[in-house]
C-alpha cells in the first residue's frame, strides 16, 4: 500500500531510527515498528483512483503492555464509531462509497474477489 503509515507511541517515548546506506551513496532513515516495540501503527488508507478506496489498518507487532494498551484504545474507538461489515470496520463515508459502487480493497491490483462486499 502506498498510503502513509504512522508509528504511534506514548508521549515521551524515544523512537529508534535505523540508518540505511543506499546504493546511490545517500543515507536514508527508517522507522521500524519491530525496533520500537511500545508502539502501534496507523495506516489510514484513502482514495486511490476514481473508484478505488484502499482500506487502512491499525495494528501492533508487539505484545508489550504499552503496545497492547495503545492497540486496545484504538480498537475501542473504532468499534464505537465504525460499522462492522464482515471482518472490517468501515466509517460512514467509506460505507457510502462502498454502496455507490467503489471498490474497497487492499490494492487496485488485487483481484475483485478480495474486495469488501456486502
PDB file of N, CA and C in Angstrom:
ATOM      1  N   UNK A   1       0.846  -1.184   0.000  1.00  0.00           N
ATOM      2  CA  UNK A   1       0.000   0.000   0.000  1.00  0.00           C
ATOM      3  C   UNK A   1       0.883   1.237   0.000  1.00  0.00           C
ATOM      4  N   UNK A   2       0.505   2.222  -0.758  1.00  0.00           N
ATOM      5  CA  UNK A   2       1.260   3.460  -0.831  1.00  0.00           C
ATOM      6  C   UNK A   2       0.697   4.542   0.077  1.00  0.00           C
ATOM      7  N   UNK A   3      -0.124   4.167   1.027  1.00  0.00           N
ATOM      8  CA  UNK A   3      -0.694   5.149   1.942  1.00  0.00           C
ATOM      9  C   UNK A   3       0.299   5.437   3.062  1.00  0.00           C
ATOM     10  N   UNK A   4       0.298   6.672   3.555  1.00  0.00           N
ATOM     11  CA  UNK A   4       1.200   6.991   4.670  1.00  0.00           C
ATOM     12  C   UNK A   4       0.926   6.102   5.880  1.00  0.00           C
ATOM     13  N   UNK A   5       1.992   5.764   6.585  1.00  0.00           N
ATOM     14  CA  UNK A   5       1.892   4.955   7.792  1.00  0.00           C
ATOM     15  C   UNK A   5       2.547   5.727   8.925  1.00  0.00           C
ATOM     16  N   UNK A   6       1.885   5.746  10.068  1.00  0.00           N
ATOM     17  CA  UNK A   6       2.363   6.492  11.218  1.00  0.00           C
ATOM     18  C   UNK A   6       2.645   5.535  12.374  1.00  0.00           C
ATOM     19  N   UNK A   7       3.758   5.750  13.041  1.00  0.00           N
ATOM     20  CA  UNK A   7       4.093   4.995  14.239  1.00  0.00           C
ATOM     21  C   UNK A   7       3.504   5.753  15.421  1.00  0.00           C
ATOM     22  N   UNK A   8       2.693   5.084  16.216  1.00  0.00           N
ATOM     23  CA  UNK A   8       2.037   5.703  17.367  1.00  0.00           C
ATOM     24  C   UNK A   8       2.700   5.180  18.635  1.00  0.00           C
ATOM     25  N   UNK A   9       3.162   6.101  19.473  1.00  0.00           N
ATOM     26  CA  UNK A   9       3.759   5.759  20.761  1.00  0.00           C
ATOM     27  C   UNK A   9       3.155   6.659  21.821  1.00  0.00           C
ATOM     28  N   UNK A  10       3.430   6.339  23.068  1.00  0.00           N
ATOM     29  CA  UNK A  10       3.030   7.239  24.136  1.00  0.00           C
ATOM     30  C   UNK A  10       3.942   8.461  24.120  1.00  0.00           C
ATOM     31  N   UNK A  11       3.434   9.572  24.573  1.00  0.00           N
ATOM     32  CA  UNK A  11       4.221  10.797  24.664  1.00  0.00           C
ATOM     33  C   UNK A  11       5.475  10.548  25.496  1.00  0.00           C
ATOM     34  N   UNK A  12       6.590  11.049  25.019  1.00  0.00           N
ATOM     35  CA  UNK A  12       7.839  10.904  25.749  1.00  0.00           C
ATOM     36  C   UNK A  12       8.632   9.655  25.407  1.00  0.00           C
ATOM     37  N   UNK A  13       8.076   8.787  24.577  1.00  0.00           N
ATOM     38  CA  UNK A  13       8.778   7.569  24.178  1.00  0.00           C
ATOM     39  C   UNK A  13       9.855   7.910  23.156  1.00  0.00           C
ATOM     40  N   UNK A  14      11.062   7.428  23.388  1.00  0.00           N
ATOM     41  CA  UNK A  14      12.126   7.611  22.404  1.00  0.00           C
ATOM     42  C   UNK A  14      11.877   6.674  21.223  1.00  0.00           C
ATOM     43  N   UNK A  15      11.938   7.213  20.020  1.00  0.00           N
ATOM     44  CA  UNK A  15      11.738   6.426  18.805  1.00  0.00           C
ATOM     45  C   UNK A  15      13.103   6.090  18.220  1.00  0.00           C
ATOM     46  N   UNK A  16      13.296   4.807  17.934  1.00  0.00           N
ATOM     47  CA  UNK A  16      14.562   4.342  17.380  1.00  0.00           C
ATOM     48  C   UNK A  16      14.515   4.424  15.862  1.00  0.00           C
ATOM     49  N   UNK A  17      15.485   5.128  15.308  1.00  0.00           N
ATOM     50  CA  UNK A  17      15.616   5.267  13.856  1.00  0.00           C
ATOM     51  C   UNK A  17      16.704   4.325  13.370  1.00  0.00           C
ATOM     52  N   UNK A  18      16.523   3.788  12.179  1.00  0.00           N
ATOM     53  CA  UNK A  18      17.538   2.933  11.578  1.00  0.00           C
ATOM     54  C   UNK A  18      18.113   3.625  10.354  1.00  0.00           C
ATOM     55  N   UNK A  19      19.438   3.757  10.317  1.00  0.00           N
ATOM     56  CA  UNK A  19      20.104   4.387   9.186  1.00  0.00           C
ATOM     57  C   UNK A  19      20.274   3.362   8.067  1.00  0.00           C
ATOM     58  N   UNK A  20      19.877   3.755   6.874  1.00  0.00           N
ATOM     59  CA  UNK A  20      20.003   2.902   5.697  1.00  0.00           C
ATOM     60  C   UNK A  20      21.041   3.508   4.769  1.00  0.00           C
ATOM     61  N   UNK A  21      22.023   2.723   4.397  1.00  0.00           N
ATOM     62  CA  UNK A  21      23.038   3.173   3.452  1.00  0.00           C
ATOM     63  C   UNK A  21      22.620   2.705   2.063  1.00  0.00           C
ATOM     64  N   UNK A  22      22.241   3.636   1.219  1.00  0.00           N
ATOM     65  CA  UNK A  22      21.693   3.297  -0.089  1.00  0.00           C
ATOM     66  C   UNK A  22      22.795   3.210  -1.140  1.00  0.00           C
ATOM     67  N   UNK A  23      22.486   2.502  -2.207  1.00  0.00           N
ATOM     68  CA  UNK A  23      23.447   2.286  -3.294  1.00  0.00           C
ATOM     69  C   UNK A  23      23.870   3.586  -3.965  1.00  0.00           C
ATOM     70  N   UNK A  24      23.032   4.627  -3.875  1.00  0.00           N
ATOM     71  CA  UNK A  24      23.391   5.895  -4.513  1.00  0.00           C
ATOM     72  C   UNK A  24      24.309   6.752  -3.644  1.00  0.00           C
ATOM     73  N   UNK A  25      24.718   6.205  -2.494  1.00  0.00           N
ATOM     74  CA  UNK A  25      25.626   6.912  -1.605  1.00  0.00           C
ATOM     75  C   UNK A  25      24.931   7.807  -0.601  1.00  0.00           C
ATOM     76  N   UNK A  26      23.636   7.962  -0.723  1.00  0.00           N
ATOM     77  CA  UNK A  26      22.881   8.798   0.214  1.00  0.00           C
ATOM     78  C   UNK A  26      22.359   7.936   1.361  1.00  0.00           C
ATOM     79  N   UNK A  27      22.363   8.506   2.539  1.00  0.00           N
ATOM     80  CA  UNK A  27      21.794   7.807   3.693  1.00  0.00           C
ATOM     81  C   UNK A  27      20.329   8.189   3.839  1.00  0.00           C
ATOM     82  N   UNK A  28      19.546   7.209   4.212  1.00  0.00           N
ATOM     83  CA  UNK A  28      18.134   7.432   4.489  1.00  0.00           C
ATOM     84  C   UNK A  28      17.851   6.834   5.862  1.00  0.00           C
ATOM     85  N   UNK A  29      16.712   7.187   6.402  1.00  0.00           N
ATOM     86  CA  UNK A  29      16.348   6.716   7.734  1.00  0.00           C
ATOM     87  C   UNK A  29      15.013   5.996   7.661  1.00  0.00           C
ATOM     88  N   UNK A  30      14.879   4.951   8.454  1.00  0.00           N
ATOM     89  CA  UNK A  30      13.642   4.184   8.520  1.00  0.00           C
ATOM     90  C   UNK A  30      13.205   4.084   9.973  1.00  0.00           C
ATOM     91  N   UNK A  31      11.917   4.028  10.158  1.00  0.00           N
ATOM     92  CA  UNK A  31      11.348   3.791  11.483  1.00  0.00           C
ATOM     93  C   UNK A  31      10.614   2.461  11.396  1.00  0.00           C
ATOM     94  N   UNK A  32      11.146   1.468  12.061  1.00  0.00           N
ATOM     95  CA  UNK A  32      10.610   0.112  12.019  1.00  0.00           C
ATOM     96  C   UNK A  32       9.876  -0.182  13.319  1.00  0.00           C
ATOM     97  N   UNK A  33       8.661  -0.665  13.198  1.00  0.00           N
ATOM     98  CA  UNK A  33       7.890  -0.966  14.401  1.00  0.00           C
ATOM     99  C   UNK A  33       8.563  -2.048  15.241  1.00  0.00           C
ATOM    100  N   UNK A  34       9.239  -2.985  14.633  1.00  0.00           N
ATOM    101  CA  UNK A  34       9.894  -4.046  15.390  1.00  0.00           C
ATOM    102  C   UNK A  34      11.016  -3.500  16.275  1.00  0.00           C
ATOM    103  N   UNK A  35      11.624  -2.394  15.872  1.00  0.00           N
ATOM    104  CA  UNK A  35      12.655  -1.757  16.687  1.00  0.00           C
ATOM    105  C   UNK A  35      12.044  -0.846  17.751  1.00  0.00           C
ATOM    106  N   UNK A  36      10.746  -0.635  17.675  1.00  0.00           N
ATOM    107  CA  UNK A  36      10.013   0.223  18.607  1.00  0.00           C
ATOM    108  C   UNK A  36       8.817  -0.557  19.153  1.00  0.00           C
ATOM    109  N   UNK A  37       9.061  -1.518  20.039  1.00  0.00           N
ATOM    110  CA  UNK A  37       8.001  -2.439  20.446  1.00  0.00           C
ATOM    111  C   UNK A  37       6.843  -1.795  21.211  1.00  0.00           C
ATOM    112  N   UNK A  38       7.055  -0.656  21.848  1.00  0.00           N
ATOM    113  CA  UNK A  38       5.970   0.012  22.575  1.00  0.00           C
ATOM    114  C   UNK A  38       5.201   0.935  21.643  1.00  0.00           C
ATOM    115  N   UNK A  39       4.661   0.350  20.577  1.00  0.00           N
ATOM    116  CA  UNK A  39       4.005   1.169  19.550  1.00  0.00           C
ATOM    117  C   UNK A  39       2.930   0.369  18.833  1.00  0.00           C
ATOM    118  N   UNK A  40       2.160   1.097  18.064  1.00  0.00           N
ATOM    119  CA  UNK A  40       1.237   0.525  17.099  1.00  0.00           C
ATOM    120  C   UNK A  40       1.361   1.378  15.843  1.00  0.00           C
ATOM    121  N   UNK A  41       0.836   0.909  14.741  1.00  0.00           N
ATOM    122  CA  UNK A  41       0.892   1.706  13.516  1.00  0.00           C
ATOM    123  C   UNK A  41      -0.512   2.056  13.060  1.00  0.00           C
ATOM    124  N   UNK A  42      -0.608   3.189  12.400  1.00  0.00           N
ATOM    125  CA  UNK A  42      -1.849   3.649  11.802  1.00  0.00           C
ATOM    126  C   UNK A  42      -1.578   3.923  10.336  1.00  0.00           C
ATOM    127  N   UNK A  43      -2.271   3.199   9.482  1.00  0.00           N
ATOM    128  CA  UNK A  43      -2.235   3.444   8.031  1.00  0.00           C
ATOM    129  C   UNK A  43      -3.667   3.758   7.649  1.00  0.00           C
ATOM    130  N   UNK A  44      -3.931   4.983   7.241  1.00  0.00           N
ATOM    131  CA  UNK A  44      -5.319   5.411   7.089  1.00  0.00           C
ATOM    132  C   UNK A  44      -5.969   5.045   5.769  1.00  0.00           C
ATOM    133  N   UNK A  45      -5.266   4.550   4.793  1.00  0.00           N
ATOM    134  CA  UNK A  45      -5.880   4.226   3.508  1.00  0.00           C
ATOM    135  C   UNK A  45      -6.339   5.497   2.818  1.00  0.00           C
ATOM    136  N   UNK A  46      -7.228   5.363   1.871  1.00  0.00           N
ATOM    137  CA  UNK A  46      -7.758   6.546   1.205  1.00  0.00           C
ATOM    138  C   UNK A  46      -8.098   6.283  -0.246  1.00  0.00           C
ATOM    139  N   UNK A  47      -8.545   7.332  -0.919  1.00  0.00           N
ATOM    140  CA  UNK A  47      -8.919   7.216  -2.326  1.00  0.00           C
ATOM    141  C   UNK A  47      -7.678   7.040  -3.172  1.00  0.00           C
ATOM    142  N   UNK A  48      -7.706   6.031  -4.024  1.00  0.00           N
ATOM    143  CA  UNK A  48      -6.562   5.744  -4.884  1.00  0.00           C
ATOM    144  C   UNK A  48      -6.825   6.202  -6.309  1.00  0.00           C
ATOM    145  N   UNK A  49      -8.020   5.964  -6.793  1.00  0.00           N
ATOM    146  CA  UNK A  49      -8.401   6.392  -8.138  1.00  0.00           C
ATOM    147  C   UNK A  49      -9.893   6.698  -8.132  1.00  0.00           C
ATOM    148  N   UNK A  50     -10.472   6.849  -9.308  1.00  0.00           N
ATOM    149  CA  UNK A  50     -11.867   7.276  -9.388  1.00  0.00           C
ATOM    150  C   UNK A  50     -12.850   6.369  -8.658  1.00  0.00           C
ATOM    151  N   UNK A  51     -12.532   5.087  -8.538  1.00  0.00           N
ATOM    152  CA  UNK A  51     -13.494   4.185  -7.898  1.00  0.00           C
ATOM    153  C   UNK A  51     -12.839   3.191  -6.941  1.00  0.00           C
ATOM    154  N   UNK A  52     -11.643   3.503  -6.462  1.00  0.00           N
ATOM    155  CA  UNK A  52     -10.933   2.581  -5.572  1.00  0.00           C
ATOM    156  C   UNK A  52     -10.621   3.277  -4.249  1.00  0.00           C
ATOM    157  N   UNK A  53     -11.095   2.672  -3.181  1.00  0.00           N
ATOM    158  CA  UNK A  53     -10.809   3.130  -1.828  1.00  0.00           C
ATOM    159  C   UNK A  53      -9.953   2.064  -1.160  1.00  0.00           C
ATOM    160  N   UNK A  54      -8.735   2.438  -0.783  1.00  0.00           N
ATOM    161  CA  UNK A  54      -7.836   1.482  -0.130  1.00  0.00           C
ATOM    162  C   UNK A  54      -8.135   1.442   1.360  1.00  0.00           C
ATOM    163  N   UNK A  55      -8.200   0.255   1.911  1.00  0.00           N
ATOM    164  CA  UNK A  55      -8.504   0.142   3.336  1.00  0.00           C
ATOM    165  C   UNK A  55      -7.290   0.532   4.169  1.00  0.00           C
ATOM    166  N   UNK A  56      -7.552   0.962   5.364  1.00  0.00           N
ATOM    167  CA  UNK A  56      -6.495   1.301   6.304  1.00  0.00           C
ATOM    168  C   UNK A  56      -6.343   0.182   7.323  1.00  0.00           C
ATOM    169  N   UNK A  57      -5.448   0.410   8.268  1.00  0.00           N
ATOM    170  CA  UNK A  57      -5.282  -0.573   9.332  1.00  0.00           C
ATOM    171  C   UNK A  57      -4.652   0.085  10.546  1.00  0.00           C
ATOM    172  N   UNK A  58      -4.940  -0.500  11.680  1.00  0.00           N
ATOM    173  CA  UNK A  58      -4.319  -0.123  12.941  1.00  0.00           C
ATOM    174  C   UNK A  58      -3.909  -1.442  13.579  1.00  0.00           C
ATOM    175  N   UNK A  59      -2.601  -1.611  13.796  1.00  0.00           N
ATOM    176  CA  UNK A  59      -2.149  -2.887  14.343  1.00  0.00           C
ATOM    177  C   UNK A  59      -0.819  -2.716  15.056  1.00  0.00           C
ATOM    178  N   UNK A  60      -0.518  -3.688  15.877  1.00  0.00           N
ATOM    179  CA  UNK A  60       0.780  -3.715  16.532  1.00  0.00           C
ATOM    180  C   UNK A  60       1.446  -5.051  16.257  1.00  0.00           C
ATOM    181  N   UNK A  61       2.762  -5.040  16.283  1.00  0.00           N
ATOM    182  CA  UNK A  61       3.530  -6.268  16.094  1.00  0.00           C
ATOM    183  C   UNK A  61       4.092  -6.757  17.420  1.00  0.00           C
ATOM    184  N   UNK A  62       3.698  -6.110  18.499  1.00  0.00           N
ATOM    185  CA  UNK A  62       4.305  -6.380  19.797  1.00  0.00           C
ATOM    186  C   UNK A  62       3.245  -6.738  20.834  1.00  0.00           C
ATOM    187  N   UNK A  63       3.690  -7.409  21.866  1.00  0.00           N
ATOM    188  CA  UNK A  63       2.790  -7.763  22.971  1.00  0.00           C
ATOM    189  C   UNK A  63       3.205  -7.095  24.279  1.00  0.00           C
ATOM    190  N   UNK A  64       3.969  -5.996  24.174  1.00  0.00           N
ATOM    191  CA  UNK A  64       4.327  -5.283  25.397  1.00  0.00           C
ATOM    192  C   UNK A  64       3.064  -4.664  25.991  1.00  0.00           C
ATOM    193  N   UNK A  65       3.098  -4.344  27.274  1.00  0.00           N
ATOM    194  CA  UNK A  65       1.934  -3.742  27.918  1.00  0.00           C
ATOM    195  C   UNK A  65       1.538  -2.433  27.245  1.00  0.00           C
ATOM    196  N   UNK A  66       2.517  -1.641  26.879  1.00  0.00           N
ATOM    197  CA  UNK A  66       2.232  -0.357  26.232  1.00  0.00           C
ATOM    198  C   UNK A  66       1.591  -0.573  24.866  1.00  0.00           C
ATOM    199  N   UNK A  67       2.138  -1.462  24.060  1.00  0.00           N
ATOM    200  CA  UNK A  67       1.589  -1.722  22.727  1.00  0.00           C
ATOM    201  C   UNK A  67       0.163  -2.253  22.818  1.00  0.00           C
ATOM    202  N   UNK A  68      -0.071  -3.155  23.746  1.00  0.00           N
ATOM    203  CA  UNK A  68      -1.420  -3.716  23.920  1.00  0.00           C
ATOM    204  C   UNK A  68      -2.394  -2.621  24.362  1.00  0.00           C
ATOM    205  N   UNK A  69      -1.971  -1.751  25.265  1.00  0.00           N
ATOM    206  CA  UNK A  69      -2.825  -0.655  25.727  1.00  0.00           C
ATOM    207  C   UNK A  69      -3.150   0.309  24.578  1.00  0.00           C
ATOM    208  N   UNK A  70      -2.141   0.664  23.784  1.00  0.00           N
ATOM    209  CA  UNK A  70      -2.382   1.535  22.630  1.00  0.00           C
ATOM    210  C   UNK A  70      -3.363   0.888  21.649  1.00  0.00           C
ATOM    211  N   UNK A  71      -3.139  -0.381  21.349  1.00  0.00           N
ATOM    212  CA  UNK A  71      -3.992  -1.086  20.397  1.00  0.00           C
ATOM    213  C   UNK A  71      -5.432  -1.161  20.901  1.00  0.00           C
ATOM    214  N   UNK A  72      -5.594  -1.466  22.181  1.00  0.00           N
ATOM    215  CA  UNK A  72      -6.956  -1.538  22.752  1.00  0.00           C
ATOM    216  C   UNK A  72      -7.671  -0.201  22.673  1.00  0.00           C
ATOM    217  N   UNK A  73      -6.938   0.883  22.884  1.00  0.00           N
ATOM    218  CA  UNK A  73      -7.550   2.217  22.786  1.00  0.00           C
ATOM    219  C   UNK A  73      -8.086   2.462  21.389  1.00  0.00           C
ATOM    220  N   UNK A  74      -7.299   2.130  20.386  1.00  0.00           N
ATOM    221  CA  UNK A  74      -7.758   2.290  19.004  1.00  0.00           C
ATOM    222  C   UNK A  74      -8.915   1.349  18.703  1.00  0.00           C
ATOM    223  N   UNK A  75      -8.811   0.093  19.121  1.00  0.00           N
ATOM    224  CA  UNK A  75      -9.875  -0.882  18.858  1.00  0.00           C
ATOM    225  C   UNK A  75     -11.203  -0.418  19.443  1.00  0.00           C
ATOM    226  N   UNK A  76     -11.165   0.098  20.663  1.00  0.00           N
ATOM    227  CA  UNK A  76     -12.383   0.582  21.322  1.00  0.00           C
ATOM    228  C   UNK A  76     -13.000   1.736  20.533  1.00  0.00           C
ATOM    229  N   UNK A  77     -12.183   2.683  20.112  1.00  0.00           N
ATOM    230  CA  UNK A  77     -12.686   3.830  19.352  1.00  0.00           C
ATOM    231  C   UNK A  77     -13.256   3.396  18.000  1.00  0.00           C
ATOM    232  N   UNK A  78     -12.576   2.480  17.339  1.00  0.00           N
ATOM    233  CA  UNK A  78     -13.054   2.006  16.035  1.00  0.00           C
ATOM    234  C   UNK A  78     -14.400   1.301  16.193  1.00  0.00           C
ATOM    235  N   UNK A  79     -14.519   0.411  17.161  1.00  0.00           N
ATOM    236  CA  UNK A  79     -15.801  -0.288  17.364  1.00  0.00           C
ATOM    237  C   UNK A  79     -16.934   0.677  17.706  1.00  0.00           C
ATOM    238  N   UNK A  80     -16.603   1.770  18.381  1.00  0.00           N
ATOM    239  CA  UNK A  80     -17.619   2.740  18.790  1.00  0.00           C
ATOM    240  C   UNK A  80     -18.097   3.597  17.622  1.00  0.00           C
ATOM    241  N   UNK A  81     -17.213   3.941  16.700  1.00  0.00           N
ATOM    242  CA  UNK A  81     -17.538   4.925  15.671  1.00  0.00           C
ATOM    243  C   UNK A  81     -17.665   4.361  14.256  1.00  0.00           C
ATOM    244  N   UNK A  82     -17.384   3.090  14.064  1.00  0.00           N
ATOM    245  CA  UNK A  82     -17.443   2.485  12.734  1.00  0.00           C
ATOM    246  C   UNK A  82     -18.462   1.359  12.725  1.00  0.00           C
ATOM    247  N   UNK A  83     -18.934   1.000  11.550  1.00  0.00           N
ATOM    248  CA  UNK A  83     -19.871  -0.102  11.397  1.00  0.00           C
ATOM    249  C   UNK A  83     -19.099  -1.329  10.921  1.00  0.00           C
ATOM    250  N   UNK A  84     -19.474  -2.502  11.432  1.00  0.00           N
ATOM    251  CA  UNK A  84     -18.791  -3.725  11.026  1.00  0.00           C
ATOM    252  C   UNK A  84     -19.477  -4.300   9.793  1.00  0.00           C
ATOM    253  N   UNK A  85     -18.676  -4.516   8.748  1.00  0.00           N
ATOM    254  CA  UNK A  85     -19.140  -5.186   7.535  1.00  0.00           C
ATOM    255  C   UNK A  85     -18.203  -6.365   7.337  1.00  0.00           C
ATOM    256  N   UNK A  86     -18.741  -7.563   7.513  1.00  0.00           N
ATOM    257  CA  UNK A  86     -17.937  -8.784   7.502  1.00  0.00           C
ATOM    258  C   UNK A  86     -16.822  -8.644   8.531  1.00  0.00           C
ATOM    259  N   UNK A  87     -15.567  -8.758   8.139  1.00  0.00           N
ATOM    260  CA  UNK A  87     -14.485  -8.684   9.124  1.00  0.00           C
ATOM    261  C   UNK A  87     -13.841  -7.299   9.205  1.00  0.00           C
ATOM    262  N   UNK A  88     -14.426  -6.294   8.542  1.00  0.00           N
ATOM    263  CA  UNK A  88     -13.874  -4.944   8.527  1.00  0.00           C
ATOM    264  C   UNK A  88     -14.763  -3.980   9.300  1.00  0.00           C
ATOM    265  N   UNK A  89     -14.150  -2.983   9.884  1.00  0.00           N
ATOM    266  CA  UNK A  89     -14.878  -1.847  10.434  1.00  0.00           C
ATOM    267  C   UNK A  89     -14.747  -0.716   9.440  1.00  0.00           C
ATOM    268  N   UNK A  90     -15.877  -0.098   9.084  1.00  0.00           N
ATOM    269  CA  UNK A  90     -15.923   0.859   7.992  1.00  0.00           C
ATOM    270  C   UNK A  90     -16.576   2.148   8.486  1.00  0.00           C
ATOM    271  N   UNK A  91     -15.973   3.285   8.167  1.00  0.00           N
ATOM    272  CA  UNK A  91     -16.544   4.582   8.512  1.00  0.00           C
ATOM    273  C   UNK A  91     -17.737   4.903   7.637  1.00  0.00           C
ATOM    274  N   UNK A  92     -18.516   5.907   8.055  1.00  0.00           N
ATOM    275  CA  UNK A  92     -19.738   6.270   7.318  1.00  0.00           C
ATOM    276  C   UNK A  92     -19.446   6.660   5.871  1.00  0.00           C
ATOM    277  N   UNK A  93     -18.391   7.456   5.673  1.00  0.00           N
ATOM    278  CA  UNK A  93     -18.076   7.899   4.320  1.00  0.00           C
ATOM    279  C   UNK A  93     -17.636   6.725   3.443  1.00  0.00           C
ATOM    280  N   UNK A  94     -16.838   5.834   4.012  1.00  0.00           N
ATOM    281  CA  UNK A  94     -16.402   4.656   3.254  1.00  0.00           C
ATOM    282  C   UNK A  94     -17.585   3.746   2.950  1.00  0.00           C
ATOM    283  N   UNK A  95     -18.490   3.622   3.893  1.00  0.00           N
ATOM    284  CA  UNK A  95     -19.692   2.806   3.661  1.00  0.00           C
ATOM    285  C   UNK A  95     -20.522   3.394   2.521  1.00  0.00           C
ATOM    286  N   UNK A  96     -20.659   4.708   2.470  1.00  0.00           N
ATOM    287  CA  UNK A  96     -21.411   5.349   1.383  1.00  0.00           C
ATOM    288  C   UNK A  96     -20.720   5.123   0.039  1.00  0.00           C
ATOM    289  N   UNK A  97     -19.379   5.220   0.019  1.00  0.00           N
ATOM    290  CA  UNK A  97     -18.651   4.952  -1.223  1.00  0.00           C
ATOM    291  C   UNK A  97     -18.815   3.496  -1.651  1.00  0.00           C
ATOM    292  N   UNK A  98     -18.744   2.581  -0.700  1.00  0.00           N
ATOM    293  CA  UNK A  98     -18.943   1.156  -0.992  1.00  0.00           C
ATOM    294  C   UNK A  98     -20.327   0.938  -1.605  1.00  0.00           C
ATOM    295  N   UNK A  99     -21.349   1.558  -1.004  1.00  0.00           N
ATOM    296  CA  UNK A  99     -22.717   1.410  -1.503  1.00  0.00           C
ATOM    297  C   UNK A  99     -22.919   2.048  -2.876  1.00  0.00           C
ATOM    298  N   UNK A 100     -22.087   3.033  -3.212  1.00  0.00           N
ATOM    299  CA  UNK A 100     -22.226   3.688  -4.516  1.00  0.00           C
ATOM    300  C   UNK A 100     -21.403   3.010  -5.607  1.00  0.00           C
ATOM    301  N   UNK A 101     -20.726   1.896  -5.262  1.00  0.00           N
ATOM    302  CA  UNK A 101     -20.018   1.132  -6.284  1.00  0.00           C
ATOM    303  C   UNK A 101     -18.504   1.196  -6.226  1.00  0.00           C
ATOM    304  N   UNK A 102     -17.948   1.918  -5.275  1.00  0.00           N
ATOM    305  CA  UNK A 102     -16.484   1.944  -5.135  1.00  0.00           C
ATOM    306  C   UNK A 102     -15.981   0.575  -4.709  1.00  0.00           C
ATOM    307  N   UNK A 103     -14.762   0.291  -5.108  1.00  0.00           N
ATOM    308  CA  UNK A 103     -14.078  -0.896  -4.607  1.00  0.00           C
ATOM    309  C   UNK A 103     -13.431  -0.532  -3.279  1.00  0.00           C
ATOM    310  N   UNK A 104     -13.593  -1.353  -2.278  1.00  0.00           N
ATOM    311  CA  UNK A 104     -12.873  -1.223  -1.014  1.00  0.00           C
ATOM    312  C   UNK A 104     -11.928  -2.411  -0.969  1.00  0.00           C
ATOM    313  N   UNK A 105     -10.623  -2.128  -1.097  1.00  0.00           N
ATOM    314  CA  UNK A 105      -9.651  -3.181  -1.334  1.00  0.00           C
ATOM    315  C   UNK A 105      -8.298  -2.816  -0.728  1.00  0.00           C
ATOM    316  N   UNK A 106      -7.394  -3.777  -0.697  1.00  0.00           N
ATOM    317  CA  UNK A 106      -6.039  -3.531  -0.188  1.00  0.00           C
ATOM    318  C   UNK A 106      -5.172  -2.844  -1.231  1.00  0.00           C
ATOM    319  N   UNK A 107      -5.414  -3.130  -2.512  1.00  0.00           N
ATOM    320  CA  UNK A 107      -4.628  -2.539  -3.600  1.00  0.00           C
ATOM    321  C   UNK A 107      -5.445  -2.631  -4.881  1.00  0.00           C
ATOM    322  N   UNK A 108      -5.273  -1.669  -5.748  1.00  0.00           N
ATOM    323  CA  UNK A 108      -6.016  -1.660  -7.004  1.00  0.00           C
ATOM    324  C   UNK A 108      -5.759  -2.928  -7.812  1.00  0.00           C
ATOM    325  N   UNK A 109      -4.549  -3.500  -7.687  1.00  0.00           N
ATOM    326  CA  UNK A 109      -4.177  -4.681  -8.456  1.00  0.00           C
ATOM    327  C   UNK A 109      -4.795  -5.975  -7.911  1.00  0.00           C
ATOM    328  N   UNK A 110      -5.360  -5.925  -6.704  1.00  0.00           N
ATOM    329  CA  UNK A 110      -5.969  -7.133  -6.124  1.00  0.00           C
ATOM    330  C   UNK A 110      -7.150  -7.596  -6.967  1.00  0.00           C
ATOM    331  N   UNK A 111      -7.304  -8.907  -7.116  1.00  0.00           N
ATOM    332  CA  UNK A 111      -8.476  -9.418  -7.818  1.00  0.00           C
ATOM    333  C   UNK A 111      -9.767  -8.984  -7.121  1.00  0.00           C
ATOM    334  N   UNK A 112     -10.823  -8.791  -7.888  1.00  0.00           N
ATOM    335  CA  UNK A 112     -12.088  -8.312  -7.362  1.00  0.00           C
ATOM    336  C   UNK A 112     -12.660  -9.196  -6.262  1.00  0.00           C
ATOM    337  N   UNK A 113     -12.342 -10.481  -6.289  1.00  0.00           N
ATOM    338  CA  UNK A 113     -12.907 -11.379  -5.268  1.00  0.00           C
ATOM    339  C   UNK A 113     -12.376 -11.090  -3.857  1.00  0.00           C
ATOM    340  N   UNK A 114     -11.308 -10.289  -3.765  1.00  0.00           N
ATOM    341  CA  UNK A 114     -10.761  -9.916  -2.461  1.00  0.00           C
ATOM    342  C   UNK A 114     -11.331  -8.591  -1.944  1.00  0.00           C
ATOM    343  N   UNK A 115     -12.145  -7.910  -2.744  1.00  0.00           N
ATOM    344  CA  UNK A 115     -12.761  -6.653  -2.314  1.00  0.00           C
ATOM    345  C   UNK A 115     -13.796  -6.923  -1.227  1.00  0.00           C
ATOM    346  N   UNK A 116     -13.998  -5.920  -0.369  1.00  0.00           N
ATOM    347  CA  UNK A 116     -15.079  -5.996   0.615  1.00  0.00           C
ATOM    348  C   UNK A 116     -16.405  -5.790  -0.117  1.00  0.00           C
ATOM    349  N   UNK A 117     -17.317  -6.681   0.119  1.00  0.00           N
ATOM    350  CA  UNK A 117     -18.659  -6.592  -0.461  1.00  0.00           C
ATOM    351  C   UNK A 117     -19.671  -6.891   0.631  1.00  0.00           C
ATOM    352  N   UNK A 118     -20.855  -6.373   0.455  1.00  0.00           N
ATOM    353  CA  UNK A 118     -21.935  -6.641   1.431  1.00  0.00           C
ATOM    354  C   UNK A 118     -22.485  -8.016   1.233  1.00  0.00           C
TER     355      UNK A 118
END
